[in-house]
Amino acid sequence: MKFFCKKCKHKQRVVYLENLKSGGFEVGRTKNEVVYHPLEEFFYLIREPITPLIIKTRCERCNSEIHSIPISVEYVLFLTEEQKELKNFYV
């Protein structure tokens, strides 16, 4: 993913998983947000808890802190559960 420094306008590439493994993130405050869910031909609204996963790094050029919120904790948990289910899936 690409980060953009607001201070010096430098763009840099950050490998998302490496940043997570190194602890370069912070967990934000959980909020209940309204989200759309598909139901056949229609959509319905539901409130779901969403906890932002804030990825942090330092600018390579000016060393100021830059951050991005590309994903939620709930989505990461969903992905890990999906992987567990796929490991047990046989054809």
PDB file of N, CA and C in Angstrom:
ATOM      1  N   MET A   1       0.839  -1.164   0.000  1.00  0.00           N
ATOM      2  CA  MET A   1       0.000   0.000   0.000  1.00  0.00           C
ATOM      3  C   MET A   1       0.885   1.228   0.000  1.00  0.00           C
ATOM      4  N   LYS A   2       0.378   2.340  -0.480  1.00  0.00           N
ATOM      5  CA  LYS A   2       1.163   3.564  -0.551  1.00  0.00           C
ATOM      6  C   LYS A   2       0.735   4.555   0.512  1.00  0.00           C
ATOM      7  N   PHE A   3       1.718   5.156   1.125  1.00  0.00           N
ATOM      8  CA  PHE A   3       1.493   6.203   2.114  1.00  0.00           C
ATOM      9  C   PHE A   3       1.906   7.532   1.499  1.00  0.00           C
ATOM     10  N   PHE A   4       1.198   8.583   1.869  1.00  0.00           N
ATOM     11  CA  PHE A   4       1.475   9.921   1.370  1.00  0.00           C
ATOM     12  C   PHE A   4       1.739  10.824   2.567  1.00  0.00           C
ATOM     13  N   CYS A   5       2.920  11.426   2.607  1.00  0.00           N
ATOM     14  CA  CYS A   5       3.282  12.329   3.703  1.00  0.00           C
ATOM     15  C   CYS A   5       2.697  13.710   3.427  1.00  0.00           C
ATOM     16  N   LYS A   6       1.874  14.185   4.330  1.00  0.00           N
ATOM     17  CA  LYS A   6       1.259  15.506   4.165  1.00  0.00           C
ATOM     18  C   LYS A   6       2.268  16.629   4.344  1.00  0.00           C
ATOM     19  N   LYS A   7       3.326  16.363   5.103  1.00  0.00           N
ATOM     20  CA  LYS A   7       4.304  17.407   5.395  1.00  0.00           C
ATOM     21  C   LYS A   7       5.223  17.693   4.195  1.00  0.00           C
ATOM     22  N   CYS A   8       5.830  16.646   3.616  1.00  0.00           N
ATOM     23  CA  CYS A   8       6.784  16.874   2.521  1.00  0.00           C
ATOM     24  C   CYS A   8       6.291  16.352   1.173  1.00  0.00           C
ATOM     25  N   LYS A   9       5.070  15.802   1.131  1.00  0.00           N
ATOM     26  CA  LYS A   9       4.419  15.300  -0.089  1.00  0.00           C
ATOM     27  C   LYS A   9       5.088  14.056  -0.685  1.00  0.00           C
ATOM     28  N   HIS A  10       5.912  13.383   0.093  1.00  0.00           N
ATOM     29  CA  HIS A  10       6.599  12.172  -0.369  1.00  0.00           C
ATOM     30  C   HIS A  10       5.641  10.985  -0.351  1.00  0.00           C
ATOM     31  N   LYS A  11       5.726  10.139  -1.385  1.00  0.00           N
ATOM     32  CA  LYS A  11       4.942   8.904  -1.441  1.00  0.00           C
ATOM     33  C   LYS A  11       5.888   7.742  -1.191  1.00  0.00           C
ATOM     34  N   GLN A  12       5.459   6.807  -0.334  1.00  0.00           N
ATOM     35  CA  GLN A  12       6.286   5.639  -0.092  1.00  0.00           C
ATOM     36  C   GLN A  12       5.425   4.396   0.008  1.00  0.00           C
ATOM     37  N   ARG A  13       6.026   3.289  -0.339  1.00  0.00           N
ATOM     38  CA  ARG A  13       5.323   2.006  -0.322  1.00  0.00           C
ATOM     39  C   ARG A  13       5.577   1.316   1.009  1.00  0.00           C
ATOM     40  N   VAL A  14       4.511   0.766   1.596  1.00  0.00           N
ATOM     41  CA  VAL A  14       4.609   0.030   2.849  1.00  0.00           C
ATOM     42  C   VAL A  14       3.967  -1.338   2.631  1.00  0.00           C
ATOM     43  N   VAL A  15       4.697  -2.392   2.991  1.00  0.00           N
ATOM     44  CA  VAL A  15       4.144  -3.738   2.892  1.00  0.00           C
ATOM     45  C   VAL A  15       3.273  -3.958   4.125  1.00  0.00           C
ATOM     46  N   TYR A  16       1.991  -4.096   3.873  1.00  0.00           N
ATOM     47  CA  TYR A  16       0.975  -4.114   4.927  1.00  0.00           C
ATOM     48  C   TYR A  16       1.237  -5.178   5.987  1.00  0.00           C
ATOM     49  N   LEU A  17       1.440  -6.430   5.568  1.00  0.00           N
ATOM     50  CA  LEU A  17       1.613  -7.516   6.532  1.00  0.00           C
ATOM     51  C   LEU A  17       2.903  -7.368   7.334  1.00  0.00           C
ATOM     52  N   GLU A  18       3.964  -6.909   6.692  1.00  0.00           N
ATOM     53  CA  GLU A  18       5.217  -6.693   7.421  1.00  0.00           C
ATOM     54  C   GLU A  18       5.033  -5.627   8.491  1.00  0.00           C
ATOM     55  N   ASN A  19       4.286  -4.589   8.163  1.00  0.00           N
ATOM     56  CA  ASN A  19       4.023  -3.519   9.128  1.00  0.00           C
ATOM     57  C   ASN A  19       3.207  -4.036  10.302  1.00  0.00           C
ATOM     58  N   LEU A  20       2.214  -4.878  10.029  1.00  0.00           N
ATOM     59  CA  LEU A  20       1.416  -5.468  11.112  1.00  0.00           C
ATOM     60  C   LEU A  20       2.273  -6.372  11.996  1.00  0.00           C
ATOM     61  N   LYS A  21       3.106  -7.205  11.377  1.00  0.00           N
ATOM     62  CA  LYS A  21       3.961  -8.118  12.139  1.00  0.00           C
ATOM     63  C   LYS A  21       4.949  -7.374  13.029  1.00  0.00           C
ATOM     64  N   SER A  22       5.409  -6.216  12.568  1.00  0.00           N
ATOM     65  CA  SER A  22       6.389  -5.454  13.350  1.00  0.00           C
ATOM     66  C   SER A  22       5.730  -4.610  14.438  1.00  0.00           C
ATOM     67  N   GLY A  23       4.401  -4.618  14.497  1.00  0.00           N
ATOM     68  CA  GLY A  23       3.696  -3.842  15.525  1.00  0.00           C
ATOM     69  C   GLY A  23       3.501  -2.386  15.154  1.00  0.00           C
ATOM     70  N   GLY A  24       3.614  -2.058  13.884  1.00  0.00           N
ATOM     71  CA  GLY A  24       3.457  -0.682  13.418  1.00  0.00           C
ATOM     72  C   GLY A  24       2.004  -0.298  13.221  1.00  0.00           C
ATOM     73  N   PHE A  25       1.192  -0.545  14.217  1.00  0.00           N
ATOM     74  CA  PHE A  25      -0.230  -0.210  14.111  1.00  0.00           C
ATOM     75  C   PHE A  25      -0.787   0.139  15.484  1.00  0.00           C
ATOM     76  N   GLU A  26      -1.975   0.693  15.452  1.00  0.00           N
ATOM     77  CA  GLU A  26      -2.704   1.032  16.679  1.00  0.00           C
ATOM     78  C   GLU A  26      -4.167   0.668  16.443  1.00  0.00           C
ATOM     79  N   VAL A  27      -4.828   0.198  17.481  1.00  0.00           N
ATOM     80  CA  VAL A  27      -6.244  -0.133  17.377  1.00  0.00           C
ATOM     81  C   VAL A  27      -7.052   1.075  17.833  1.00  0.00           C
ATOM     82  N   GLY A  28      -7.947   1.539  16.959  1.00  0.00           N
ATOM     83  CA  GLY A  28      -8.764   2.710  17.269  1.00  0.00           C
ATOM     84  C   GLY A  28      -9.950   2.363  18.151  1.00  0.00           C
ATOM     85  N   ARG A  29     -10.781   3.339  18.377  1.00  0.00           N
ATOM     86  CA  ARG A  29     -11.978   3.175  19.207  1.00  0.00           C
ATOM     87  C   ARG A  29     -13.114   2.573  18.373  1.00  0.00           C
ATOM     88  N   THR A  30     -13.798   1.583  18.939  1.00  0.00           N
ATOM     89  CA  THR A  30     -14.906   0.919  18.248  1.00  0.00           C
ATOM     90  C   THR A  30     -16.103   1.857  18.157  1.00  0.00           C
ATOM     91  N   LYS A  31     -16.695   1.891  16.962  1.00  0.00           N
ATOM     92  CA  LYS A  31     -17.906   2.685  16.729  1.00  0.00           C
ATOM     93  C   LYS A  31     -18.935   1.787  16.072  1.00  0.00           C
ATOM     94  N   ASN A  32     -20.202   2.047  16.336  1.00  0.00           N
ATOM     95  CA  ASN A  32     -21.280   1.355  15.638  1.00  0.00           C
ATOM     96  C   ASN A  32     -21.618   2.155  14.393  1.00  0.00           C
ATOM     97  N   GLU A  33     -21.440   1.520  13.234  1.00  0.00           N
ATOM     98  CA  GLU A  33     -21.698   2.172  11.957  1.00  0.00           C
ATOM     99  C   GLU A  33     -22.821   1.454  11.221  1.00  0.00           C
ATOM    100  N   VAL A  34     -23.558   2.190  10.433  1.00  0.00           N
ATOM    101  CA  VAL A  34     -24.609   1.605   9.602  1.00  0.00           C
ATOM    102  C   VAL A  34     -23.956   1.074   8.330  1.00  0.00           C
ATOM    103  N   VAL A  35     -24.204  -0.201   8.037  1.00  0.00           N
ATOM    104  CA  VAL A  35     -23.653  -0.818   6.829  1.00  0.00           C
ATOM    105  C   VAL A  35     -24.775  -1.466   6.025  1.00  0.00           C
ATOM    106  N   TYR A  36     -24.555  -1.564   4.720  1.00  0.00           N
ATOM    107  CA  TYR A  36     -25.515  -2.202   3.827  1.00  0.00           C
ATOM    108  C   TYR A  36     -25.188  -3.677   3.702  1.00  0.00           C
ATOM    109  N   HIS A  37     -26.233  -4.519   3.742  1.00  0.00           N
ATOM    110  CA  HIS A  37     -26.074  -5.946   3.523  1.00  0.00           C
ATOM    111  C   HIS A  37     -27.001  -6.355   2.394  1.00  0.00           C
ATOM    112  N   PRO A  38     -26.486  -7.109   1.430  1.00  0.00           N
ATOM    113  CA  PRO A  38     -27.357  -7.564   0.339  1.00  0.00           C
ATOM    114  C   PRO A  38     -28.265  -8.694   0.795  1.00  0.00           C
ATOM    115  N   LEU A  39     -29.490  -8.666   0.304  1.00  0.00           N
ATOM    116  CA  LEU A  39     -30.452  -9.734   0.558  1.00  0.00           C
ATOM    117  C   LEU A  39     -31.205  -9.960  -0.748  1.00  0.00           C
ATOM    118  N   GLU A  40     -30.778 -10.957  -1.493  1.00  0.00           N
ATOM    119  CA  GLU A  40     -31.296 -11.250  -2.817  1.00  0.00           C
ATOM    120  C   GLU A  40     -31.230  -9.986  -3.684  1.00  0.00           C
ATOM    121  N   GLU A  41     -32.368  -9.405  -4.029  1.00  0.00           N
ATOM    122  CA  GLU A  41     -32.385  -8.235  -4.908  1.00  0.00           C
ATOM    123  C   GLU A  41     -32.344  -6.921  -4.143  1.00  0.00           C
ATOM    124  N   PHE A  42     -32.380  -6.981  -2.835  1.00  0.00           N
ATOM    125  CA  PHE A  42     -32.490  -5.775  -2.019  1.00  0.00           C
ATOM    126  C   PHE A  42     -31.305  -5.644  -1.070  1.00  0.00           C
ATOM    127  N   PHE A  43     -31.235  -4.505  -0.440  1.00  0.00           N
ATOM    128  CA  PHE A  43     -30.254  -4.260   0.599  1.00  0.00           C
ATOM    129  C   PHE A  43     -30.986  -3.910   1.890  1.00  0.00           C
ATOM    130  N   TYR A  44     -30.409  -4.254   3.002  1.00  0.00           N
ATOM    131  CA  TYR A  44     -30.960  -3.796   4.265  1.00  0.00           C
ATOM    132  C   TYR A  44     -29.838  -3.194   5.093  1.00  0.00           C
ATOM    133  N   LEU A  45     -30.217  -2.311   5.987  1.00  0.00           N
ATOM    134  CA  LEU A  45     -29.256  -1.614   6.832  1.00  0.00           C
ATOM    135  C   LEU A  45     -29.170  -2.277   8.191  1.00  0.00           C
ATOM    136  N   ILE A  46     -27.945  -2.351   8.715  1.00  0.00           N
ATOM    137  CA  ILE A  46     -27.752  -2.910  10.039  1.00  0.00           C
ATOM    138  C   ILE A  46     -26.581  -2.172  10.697  1.00  0.00           C
ATOM    139  N   ARG A  47     -26.642  -2.033  12.002  1.00  0.00           N
ATOM    140  CA  ARG A  47     -25.537  -1.415  12.744  1.00  0.00           C
ATOM    141  C   ARG A  47     -24.548  -2.494  13.149  1.00  0.00           C
ATOM    142  N   GLU A  48     -23.276  -2.260  12.834  1.00  0.00           N
ATOM    143  CA  GLU A  48     -22.224  -3.205  13.187  1.00  0.00           C
ATOM    144  C   GLU A  48     -21.089  -2.468  13.874  1.00  0.00           C
ATOM    145  N   PRO A  49     -20.434  -3.132  14.825  1.00  0.00           N
ATOM    146  CA  PRO A  49     -19.260  -2.505  15.434  1.00  0.00           C
ATOM    147  C   PRO A  49     -18.088  -2.530  14.458  1.00  0.00           C
ATOM    148  N   ILE A  50     -17.405  -1.410  14.333  1.00  0.00           N
ATOM    149  CA  ILE A  50     -16.240  -1.314  13.456  1.00  0.00           C
ATOM    150  C   ILE A  50     -15.106  -0.683  14.254  1.00  0.00           C
ATOM    151  N   THR A  51     -13.983  -1.409  14.323  1.00  0.00           N
ATOM    152  CA  THR A  51     -12.805  -0.948  15.046  1.00  0.00           C
ATOM    153  C   THR A  51     -11.689  -0.707  14.044  1.00  0.00           C
ATOM    154  N   PRO A  52     -11.288   0.547  13.829  1.00  0.00           N
ATOM    155  CA  PRO A  52     -10.246   0.822  12.833  1.00  0.00           C
ATOM    156  C   PRO A  52      -8.886   0.288  13.256  1.00  0.00           C
ATOM    157  N   LEU A  53      -8.151  -0.227  12.292  1.00  0.00           N
ATOM    158  CA  LEU A  53      -6.782  -0.662  12.488  1.00  0.00           C
ATOM    159  C   LEU A  53      -5.900   0.395  11.823  1.00  0.00           C
ATOM    160  N   ILE A  54      -5.243   1.211  12.630  1.00  0.00           N
ATOM    161  CA  ILE A  54      -4.495   2.364  12.136  1.00  0.00           C
ATOM    162  C   ILE A  54      -3.043   1.940  11.896  1.00  0.00           C
ATOM    163  N   ILE A  55      -2.642   1.940  10.628  1.00  0.00           N
ATOM    164  CA  ILE A  55      -1.276   1.569  10.261  1.00  0.00           C
ATOM    165  C   ILE A  55      -0.413   2.820  10.355  1.00  0.00           C
ATOM    166  N   LYS A  56       0.704   2.718  11.088  1.00  0.00           N
ATOM    167  CA  LYS A  56       1.591   3.865  11.291  1.00  0.00           C
ATOM    168  C   LYS A  56       2.997   3.551  10.804  1.00  0.00           C
ATOM    169  N   THR A  57       3.637   4.552  10.259  1.00  0.00           N
ATOM    170  CA  THR A  57       5.032   4.441   9.842  1.00  0.00           C
ATOM    171  C   THR A  57       5.647   5.833   9.839  1.00  0.00           C
ATOM    172  N   ARG A  58       6.926   5.905   9.549  1.00  0.00           N
ATOM    173  CA  ARG A  58       7.634   7.182   9.459  1.00  0.00           C
ATOM    174  C   ARG A  58       7.974   7.460   8.005  1.00  0.00           C
ATOM    175  N   CYS A  59       7.886   8.714   7.627  1.00  0.00           N
ATOM    176  CA  CYS A  59       8.238   9.130   6.276  1.00  0.00           C
ATOM    177  C   CYS A  59       9.738   8.896   6.061  1.00  0.00           C
ATOM    178  N   GLU A  60      10.074   8.302   4.932  1.00  0.00           N
ATOM    179  CA  GLU A  60      11.475   8.035   4.604  1.00  0.00           C
ATOM    180  C   GLU A  60      12.265   9.315   4.374  1.00  0.00           C
ATOM    181  N   ARG A  61      11.581  10.363   3.963  1.00  0.00           N
ATOM    182  CA  ARG A  61      12.269  11.607   3.621  1.00  0.00           C
ATOM    183  C   ARG A  61      12.399  12.566   4.807  1.00  0.00           C
ATOM    184  N   CYS A  62      11.288  12.869   5.507  1.00  0.00           N
ATOM    185  CA  CYS A  62      11.324  13.894   6.556  1.00  0.00           C
ATOM    186  C   CYS A  62      11.159  13.317   7.963  1.00  0.00           C
ATOM    187  N   ASN A  63      10.926  12.010   8.077  1.00  0.00           N
ATOM    188  CA  ASN A  63      10.806  11.303   9.347  1.00  0.00           C
ATOM    189  C   ASN A  63       9.564  11.673  10.166  1.00  0.00           C
ATOM    190  N   SER A  64       8.590  12.326   9.577  1.00  0.00           N
ATOM    191  CA  SER A  64       7.358  12.611  10.315  1.00  0.00           C
ATOM    192  C   SER A  64       6.463  11.371  10.290  1.00  0.00           C
ATOM    193  N   GLU A  65       5.597  11.247  11.295  1.00  0.00           N
ATOM    194  CA  GLU A  65       4.717  10.081  11.366  1.00  0.00           C
ATOM    195  C   GLU A  65       3.585  10.221  10.363  1.00  0.00           C
ATOM    196  N   ILE A  66       3.337   9.151   9.634  1.00  0.00           N
ATOM    197  CA  ILE A  66       2.211   9.113   8.699  1.00  0.00           C
ATOM    198  C   ILE A  66       1.384   7.868   9.024  1.00  0.00           C
ATOM    199  N   HIS A  67       0.090   7.937   8.754  1.00  0.00           N
ATOM    200  CA  HIS A  67      -0.785   6.818   9.077  1.00  0.00           C
ATOM    201  C   HIS A  67      -1.900   6.677   8.050  1.00  0.00           C
ATOM    202  N   SER A  68      -2.520   5.502   8.076  1.00  0.00           N
ATOM    203  CA  SER A  68      -3.628   5.196   7.186  1.00  0.00           C
ATOM    204  C   SER A  68      -4.552   4.212   7.895  1.00  0.00           C
ATOM    205  N   ILE A  69      -5.835   4.219   7.535  1.00  0.00           N
ATOM    206  CA  ILE A  69      -6.813   3.301   8.133  1.00  0.00           C
ATOM    207  C   ILE A  69      -7.469   2.509   6.998  1.00  0.00           C
ATOM    208  N   PRO A  70      -6.778   1.497   6.473  1.00  0.00           N
ATOM    209  CA  PRO A  70      -7.313   0.775   5.316  1.00  0.00           C
ATOM    210  C   PRO A  70      -8.253  -0.381   5.645  1.00  0.00           C
ATOM    211  N   ILE A  71      -8.302  -0.800   6.920  1.00  0.00           N
ATOM    212  CA  ILE A  71      -9.027  -2.027   7.239  1.00  0.00           C
ATOM    213  C   ILE A  71      -9.470  -2.001   8.704  1.00  0.00           C
ATOM    214  N   SER A  72     -10.471  -2.810   9.022  1.00  0.00           N
ATOM    215  CA  SER A  72     -10.944  -2.883  10.412  1.00  0.00           C
ATOM    216  C   SER A  72     -10.489  -4.183  11.069  1.00  0.00           C
ATOM    217  N   VAL A  73     -10.466  -4.180  12.383  1.00  0.00           N
ATOM    218  CA  VAL A  73     -10.112  -5.374  13.154  1.00  0.00           C
ATOM    219  C   VAL A  73     -11.100  -6.495  12.844  1.00  0.00           C
ATOM    220  N   GLU A  74     -12.370  -6.162  12.736  1.00  0.00           N
ATOM    221  CA  GLU A  74     -13.406  -7.161  12.468  1.00  0.00           C
ATOM    222  C   GLU A  74     -13.162  -7.856  11.126  1.00  0.00           C
ATOM    223  N   TYR A  75     -12.704  -7.101  10.131  1.00  0.00           N
ATOM    224  CA  TYR A  75     -12.436  -7.696   8.821  1.00  0.00           C
ATOM    225  C   TYR A  75     -11.235  -8.640   8.888  1.00  0.00           C
ATOM    226  N   VAL A  76     -10.204  -8.266   9.632  1.00  0.00           N
ATOM    227  CA  VAL A  76      -9.040  -9.144   9.805  1.00  0.00           C
ATOM    228  C   VAL A  76      -9.474 -10.440  10.487  1.00  0.00           C
ATOM    229  N   LEU A  77     -10.307 -10.335  11.515  1.00  0.00           N
ATOM    230  CA  LEU A  77     -10.805 -11.528  12.192  1.00  0.00           C
ATOM    231  C   LEU A  77     -11.639 -12.400  11.259  1.00  0.00           C
ATOM    232  N   PHE A  78     -12.459 -11.772  10.423  1.00  0.00           N
ATOM    233  CA  PHE A  78     -13.256 -12.494   9.436  1.00  0.00           C
ATOM    234  C   PHE A  78     -12.344 -13.265   8.480  1.00  0.00           C
ATOM    235  N   LEU A  79     -11.286 -12.620   7.999  1.00  0.00           N
ATOM    236  CA  LEU A  79     -10.361 -13.277   7.073  1.00  0.00           C
ATOM    237  C   LEU A  79      -9.655 -14.462   7.716  1.00  0.00           C
ATOM    238  N   THR A  80      -9.262 -14.330   8.968  1.00  0.00           N
ATOM    239  CA  THR A  80      -8.584 -15.438   9.640  1.00  0.00           C
ATOM    240  C   THR A  80      -9.542 -16.607   9.869  1.00  0.00           C
ATOM    241  N   GLU A  81     -10.804 -16.322  10.163  1.00  0.00           N
ATOM    242  CA  GLU A  81     -11.792 -17.392  10.328  1.00  0.00           C
ATOM    243  C   GLU A  81     -12.045 -18.096   9.001  1.00  0.00           C
ATOM    244  N   GLU A  82     -12.097 -17.324   7.910  1.00  0.00           N
ATOM    245  CA  GLU A  82     -12.293 -17.909   6.581  1.00  0.00           C
ATOM    246  C   GLU A  82     -11.149 -18.860   6.245  1.00  0.00           C
ATOM    247  N   GLN A  83      -9.920 -18.477   6.574  1.00  0.00           N
ATOM    248  CA  GLN A  83      -8.762 -19.324   6.294  1.00  0.00           C
ATOM    249  C   GLN A  83      -8.847 -20.630   7.079  1.00  0.00           C
ATOM    250  N   LYS A  84      -9.292 -20.552   8.333  1.00  0.00           N
ATOM    251  CA  LYS A  84      -9.442 -21.766   9.141  1.00  0.00           C
ATOM    252  C   LYS A  84     -10.467 -22.708   8.507  1.00  0.00           C
ATOM    253  N   GLU A  85     -11.567 -22.162   8.025  1.00  0.00           N
ATOM    254  CA  GLU A  85     -12.605 -22.978   7.409  1.00  0.00           C
ATOM    255  C   GLU A  85     -12.115 -23.583   6.102  1.00  0.00           C
ATOM    256  N   LEU A  86     -11.333 -22.846   5.324  1.00  0.00           N
ATOM    257  CA  LEU A  86     -10.819 -23.350   4.060  1.00  0.00           C
ATOM    258  C   LEU A  86      -9.815 -24.489   4.275  1.00  0.00           C
ATOM    259  N   LYS A  87      -9.080 -24.468   5.361  1.00  0.00           N
ATOM    260  CA  LYS A  87      -8.132 -25.550   5.644  1.00  0.00           C
ATOM    261  C   LYS A  87      -8.856 -26.865   5.884  1.00  0.00           C
ATOM    262  N   ASN A  88     -10.068 -26.797   6.392  1.00  0.00           N
ATOM    263  CA  ASN A  88     -10.839 -27.997   6.687  1.00  0.00           C
ATOM    264  C   ASN A  88     -11.789 -28.373   5.566  1.00  0.00           C
ATOM    265  N   PHE A  89     -11.677 -27.718   4.442  1.00  0.00           N
ATOM    266  CA  PHE A  89     -12.581 -27.949   3.319  1.00  0.00           C
ATOM    267  C   PHE A  89     -11.956 -28.975   2.369  1.00  0.00           C
ATOM    268  N   TYR A  90     -12.689 -30.049   2.122  1.00  0.00           N
ATOM    269  CA  TYR A  90     -12.205 -31.099   1.212  1.00  0.00           C
ATOM    270  C   TYR A  90     -13.176 -31.249   0.063  1.00  0.00           C
ATOM    271  N   VAL A  91     -12.624 -31.583  -1.096  1.00  0.00           N
ATOM    272  CA  VAL A  91     -13.466 -31.782  -2.287  1.00  0.00           C
ATOM    273  C   VAL A  91     -13.502 -33.261  -2.612  1.00  0.00           C
TER     274      VAL A  91
END
